Amino acid sequence: MFNVLEARNTLSSLVARAEAGEEIVIARRGVPVAKIVPYVPKRGMTGRELVEWLERNPIPESQRKTAEEVDEVIRDILEGRDDS
């Protein structure tokens, strides 16, 4: 555990340690207040995971869109329009 002053003075080395997989706890007056952890990027869902999620969380009937409506929304987004 590192106090705030130590963490400030050694931030680069603490970040390097986090990059190597270590979790660093920072304390103020001996009480843990923050943690530096390795960054793990989130991966996107696979098609199967998306289908399973949609089966568990169905879109309400009143909010469902046709394929054509979805295509139009995507076109608008790609063209930089937002009519919502």
Protein backbone atom coordinates (compact mmCIF):
# COMPACT_ATOMS: atom_id res chain seq x y z
CA MET A 1 0.00 0.00 0.00
CA PHE A 2 1.28 3.47 -0.90
CA ASN A 3 0.30 6.78 0.62
CA VAL A 4 -0.82 9.58 -1.70
CA LEU A 5 2.53 11.40 -1.56
CA GLU A 6 4.48 8.22 -2.38
CA ALA A 7 2.09 7.46 -5.23
CA ARG A 8 2.45 10.96 -6.65
CA ASN A 9 6.24 10.80 -6.48
CA THR A 10 6.47 7.31 -8.00
CA LEU A 11 3.49 7.29 -10.36
CA SER A 12 5.47 6.14 -13.41
CA SER A 13 6.85 3.11 -11.59
CA LEU A 14 3.43 2.30 -10.11
CA VAL A 15 1.89 2.40 -13.58
CA ALA A 16 4.65 0.11 -14.85
CA ARG A 17 3.89 -2.32 -12.03
CA ALA A 18 0.19 -2.23 -12.92
CA GLU A 19 1.09 -2.90 -16.56
CA ALA A 20 2.95 -5.97 -15.32
CA GLY A 21 -0.25 -7.21 -13.65
CA GLU A 22 0.04 -5.87 -10.11
CA GLU A 23 -2.79 -4.06 -8.32
CA ILE A 24 -1.58 -0.97 -6.45
CA VAL A 25 -3.57 0.37 -3.48
CA ILE A 26 -3.25 4.04 -2.55
CA ALA A 27 -4.14 5.17 0.96
CA ARG A 28 -4.79 8.47 2.69
CA ARG A 29 -3.87 8.41 6.38
CA GLY A 30 -3.68 4.63 6.24
CA VAL A 31 -7.15 4.20 4.75
CA PRO A 32 -7.32 2.73 1.22
CA VAL A 33 -8.94 5.25 -1.14
CA ALA A 34 -7.91 4.23 -4.66
CA LYS A 35 -6.48 1.39 -6.68
CA ILE A 36 -4.37 1.31 -9.83
CA VAL A 37 -5.13 -1.88 -11.73
CA PRO A 38 -4.05 -3.30 -15.08
CA TYR A 39 -6.28 -2.12 -17.92
CA VAL A 40 -8.15 -4.95 -19.61
CA PRO A 41 -9.94 -3.83 -22.77
CA LYS A 42 -13.50 -5.07 -23.11
CA ARG A 43 -14.11 -7.25 -26.08
CA GLY A 44 -17.27 -7.08 -28.13
CA MET A 45 -19.95 -9.72 -27.93
CA THR A 46 -19.95 -12.58 -30.37
CA GLY A 47 -23.07 -13.06 -32.46
CA ARG A 48 -24.11 -15.97 -30.23
CA GLU A 49 -23.61 -13.88 -27.07
CA LEU A 50 -25.72 -11.09 -28.56
CA VAL A 51 -28.54 -13.49 -29.45
CA GLU A 52 -28.42 -15.02 -25.95
CA TRP A 53 -28.48 -11.54 -24.38
CA LEU A 54 -31.46 -10.52 -26.54
CA GLU A 55 -33.29 -13.72 -25.55
CA ARG A 56 -32.78 -12.80 -21.87
CA ASN A 57 -33.58 -9.10 -22.47
CA PRO A 58 -36.20 -8.90 -25.22
CA ILE A 59 -36.94 -5.54 -26.80
CA PRO A 60 -40.45 -4.38 -25.86
CA GLU A 61 -42.91 -4.76 -28.73
CA SER A 62 -43.51 -0.99 -28.79
CA GLN A 63 -39.80 -0.29 -29.40
CA ARG A 64 -39.06 -2.92 -32.04
CA LYS A 65 -37.89 -1.76 -35.47
CA THR A 66 -38.05 -3.42 -38.86
CA ALA A 67 -34.82 -4.26 -40.69
CA GLU A 68 -35.47 -1.31 -42.99
CA GLU A 69 -35.85 1.07 -40.04
CA VAL A 70 -32.61 -0.20 -38.51
CA ASP A 71 -30.83 0.23 -41.85
CA GLU A 72 -32.10 3.82 -42.04
CA VAL A 73 -30.86 4.60 -38.53
CA ILE A 74 -27.44 3.16 -39.39
CA ARG A 75 -27.29 5.20 -42.62
CA ASP A 76 -28.19 8.35 -40.67
CA ILE A 77 -25.46 7.67 -38.11
CA LEU A 78 -22.86 7.03 -40.80
CA GLU A 79 -23.88 10.22 -42.58
CA GLY A 80 -23.63 12.19 -39.34
CA ARG A 81 -27.33 12.89 -38.88
CA ASP A 82 -29.15 12.38 -35.62
CA ASP A 83 -32.91 12.88 -35.88
CA SER A 84 -33.71 11.28 -32.52
